[in-house]
Amino acid sequence: MKALVKRSAEIGIWLEDVPIPTPAPNEVLIKVLRTGICGTDLHIYEW
């Protein structure tokens, strides 16, 4: 699956392939079809 990853305290985030997690007991895994971005996301990107 794809994930935005913050690897270091430098400007930017990276789109990476990461393993699909295995849910623990009493947890669920949700397939996200669409998402959005908010001001906090942009702040983290620029941090």
Protein backbone atom coordinates (compact mmCIF):
# COMPACT_ATOMS: atom_id res chain seq x y z
CA MET A 1 0.00 0.00 0.00
CA LYS A 2 1.07 3.62 -0.35
CA ALA A 3 1.82 5.91 2.60
CA LEU A 4 3.12 9.43 3.05
CA VAL A 5 6.21 9.09 5.22
CA LYS A 6 8.09 11.74 7.20
CA ARG A 7 11.61 10.26 7.34
CA SER A 8 13.52 13.13 8.93
CA ALA A 9 13.18 16.63 10.35
CA GLU A 10 13.70 18.15 6.90
CA ILE A 11 11.16 19.77 4.61
CA GLY A 12 9.03 17.28 2.76
CA ILE A 13 7.25 13.96 2.97
CA TRP A 14 7.68 10.97 0.70
CA LEU A 15 5.14 8.68 -0.97
CA GLU A 16 6.36 5.14 -0.33
CA ASP A 17 5.18 1.56 -0.68
CA VAL A 18 4.77 0.07 2.79
CA PRO A 19 3.59 -3.36 3.92
CA ILE A 20 -0.12 -3.79 4.58
CA PRO A 21 -0.49 -4.09 8.37
CA THR A 22 -2.14 -7.12 9.93
CA PRO A 23 -4.90 -6.06 12.33
CA ALA A 24 -4.58 -7.27 15.91
CA PRO A 25 -7.57 -8.79 17.72
CA ASN A 26 -10.36 -6.20 18.12
CA GLU A 27 -8.85 -4.03 15.35
CA VAL A 28 -9.99 -3.50 11.75
CA LEU A 29 -8.22 -2.62 8.51
CA ILE A 30 -10.12 -0.07 6.41
CA LYS A 31 -9.59 0.36 2.67
CA VAL A 32 -9.49 4.09 1.87
CA LEU A 33 -10.76 4.94 -1.61
CA ARG A 34 -10.35 8.72 -1.47
CA THR A 35 -8.81 11.22 0.90
CA GLY A 36 -8.23 14.93 1.27
CA ILE A 37 -5.54 17.22 2.60
CA CYS A 38 -5.91 19.88 5.29
CA GLY A 39 -3.86 22.81 6.52
CA THR A 40 -2.15 20.68 9.17
CA ASP A 41 -1.00 18.27 6.46
CA LEU A 42 0.55 21.17 4.55
CA HIS A 43 2.24 22.43 7.72
CA ILE A 44 3.81 18.99 8.31
CA TYR A 45 4.92 18.87 4.65
CA GLU A 46 6.68 22.22 5.01
CA TRP A 47 8.20 21.35 8.41
